[in-house]
């Protein structure tokens, strides 16, 4: 067995796969994330717009951006994290890019994303 086969075997056996809803850049999501404080555990929500999804398999991550008190806050979540409780897709947005970093330079009404019509 070569290194690539060994890595693939470990990834398949050790890392549990989570069923994530279908979301992409431009969608508004609420991420429920487990936080440990001492011996207590609670679930915190983080709602914002998905800027990107990157990586494949166990290395896959997604970046969520929200505005908190006129300050933009971005957080990167690994898709295979055991602390990820669930993800709710609130809105499907219409964007023409896979990575919408241009949103960082926009404020107010310009930072809005069109909602997908069903």
Protein backbone atom coordinates (compact mmCIF):
# COMPACT_ATOMS: atom_id res chain seq x y z
CA UNK A 1 0.00 0.00 0.00
CA UNK A 2 1.29 3.43 -0.86
CA UNK A 3 0.76 6.60 1.17
CA UNK A 4 -2.31 7.75 -0.77
CA UNK A 5 -4.09 4.43 -0.22
CA UNK A 6 -3.29 4.48 3.52
CA UNK A 7 -4.57 8.05 3.89
CA UNK A 8 -7.76 7.16 1.99
CA UNK A 9 -8.32 4.10 4.19
CA UNK A 10 -7.92 6.12 7.41
CA UNK A 11 -10.23 8.86 6.11
CA UNK A 12 -12.92 6.33 5.19
CA UNK A 13 -12.80 4.41 8.48
CA UNK A 14 -12.09 7.07 11.12
CA UNK A 15 -13.89 10.19 9.94
CA UNK A 16 -17.66 10.03 10.15
CA UNK A 17 -19.50 11.62 7.25
CA UNK A 18 -22.28 14.08 8.02
CA UNK A 19 -25.27 14.58 5.76
CA UNK A 20 -25.19 18.30 5.00
CA UNK A 21 -28.02 20.08 3.18
CA UNK A 22 -27.29 21.33 -0.31
CA UNK A 23 -26.00 24.88 -0.05
CA UNK A 24 -23.57 27.01 -2.02
CA UNK A 25 -22.10 30.50 -2.08
CA UNK A 26 -24.76 33.19 -1.71
CA UNK A 27 -27.10 31.11 0.46
CA UNK A 28 -28.08 32.33 3.92
CA UNK A 29 -27.57 29.58 6.50
CA UNK A 30 -27.85 29.09 10.24
CA UNK A 31 -25.06 26.92 11.65
CA UNK A 32 -25.74 25.25 15.02
CA UNK A 33 -22.33 24.73 16.65
CA UNK A 34 -21.55 22.92 19.92
CA UNK A 35 -19.41 24.87 22.38
CA UNK A 36 -17.79 23.31 25.46
CA UNK A 37 -17.30 25.53 28.49
CA UNK A 38 -15.72 23.56 31.31
CA UNK A 39 -17.88 20.48 31.69
CA UNK A 40 -20.98 22.11 30.18
CA UNK A 41 -21.94 21.95 26.54
CA UNK A 42 -24.28 24.32 24.73
CA UNK A 43 -25.32 24.99 21.15
CA UNK A 44 -24.63 28.39 19.62
CA UNK A 45 -26.08 29.59 16.31
CA UNK A 46 -24.21 31.55 13.66
CA UNK A 47 -26.39 32.96 10.88
CA UNK A 48 -24.95 34.55 7.78
CA UNK A 49 -24.18 34.33 4.07
CA UNK A 50 -21.99 31.55 2.71
CA UNK A 51 -18.98 33.14 0.98
CA UNK A 52 -17.43 29.93 -0.29
CA UNK A 53 -17.13 26.17 -0.03
CA UNK A 54 -13.68 24.74 -0.55
CA UNK A 55 -11.90 21.42 -0.37
CA UNK A 56 -13.02 17.86 -0.90
CA UNK A 57 -13.77 14.96 1.43
CA UNK A 58 -12.52 15.34 5.00
CA UNK A 59 -10.82 18.66 4.23
CA UNK A 60 -14.00 20.39 3.04
CA UNK A 61 -14.80 23.72 4.69
CA UNK A 62 -17.25 26.57 4.21
CA UNK A 63 -17.00 30.23 5.19
CA UNK A 64 -19.97 32.13 6.64
CA UNK A 65 -20.09 35.93 7.00
CA UNK A 66 -22.47 37.97 9.14
CA UNK A 67 -22.65 41.60 10.24
CA UNK A 68 -22.55 42.02 14.01
CA UNK A 69 -22.78 45.60 15.27
CA UNK A 70 -21.57 47.18 11.99
CA UNK A 71 -18.57 44.84 11.96
CA UNK A 72 -18.27 41.97 9.52
CA UNK A 73 -17.56 38.63 11.20
CA UNK A 74 -16.43 35.62 9.18
CA UNK A 75 -16.09 32.11 10.46
CA UNK A 76 -14.73 29.02 8.73
CA UNK A 77 -16.44 25.73 9.57
CA UNK A 78 -14.99 22.31 8.70
CA UNK A 79 -17.72 20.06 7.26
CA UNK A 80 -16.46 17.00 9.17
CA UNK A 81 -16.23 18.74 12.56
CA UNK A 82 -17.77 16.79 15.45
CA UNK A 83 -18.89 20.12 16.95
CA UNK A 84 -21.14 20.86 13.96
CA UNK A 85 -24.66 20.06 15.15
CA UNK A 86 -26.78 20.99 12.14
CA UNK A 87 -27.07 23.46 9.28
CA UNK A 88 -30.32 25.10 8.24
CA UNK A 89 -30.61 26.77 4.84
CA UNK A 90 -32.74 29.90 5.31
CA UNK A 91 -32.56 31.38 1.78
CA UNK A 92 -31.07 30.37 -1.54
CA UNK A 93 -29.28 33.33 -3.09
CA UNK A 94 -28.55 34.03 -6.75
CA UNK A 95 -24.86 34.78 -7.38
CA UNK A 96 -22.66 34.22 -10.42
CA UNK A 97 -19.51 33.26 -8.55
CA UNK A 98 -18.33 30.34 -6.42
CA UNK A 99 -16.45 32.68 -4.06
CA UNK A 100 -18.18 35.97 -3.30
CA UNK A 101 -15.40 37.87 -1.57
CA UNK A 102 -16.61 41.10 -3.18
CA UNK A 103 -19.29 41.16 -0.46
CA UNK A 104 -16.61 42.23 2.02
CA UNK A 105 -16.31 45.67 0.39
CA UNK A 106 -20.05 46.36 0.24
CA UNK A 107 -22.31 47.84 2.90
CA UNK A 108 -26.03 48.35 3.39
CA UNK A 109 -28.34 47.75 0.46
CA UNK A 110 -25.47 47.02 -1.92
CA UNK A 111 -24.56 43.98 0.17
CA UNK A 112 -27.94 42.36 -0.44
CA UNK A 113 -28.18 39.17 -2.48
CA UNK A 114 -31.15 38.37 -4.68
CA UNK A 115 -33.24 35.49 -3.45
CA UNK A 116 -33.85 32.53 -5.74
CA UNK A 117 -37.42 32.29 -6.99
CA UNK A 118 -39.04 28.87 -6.78
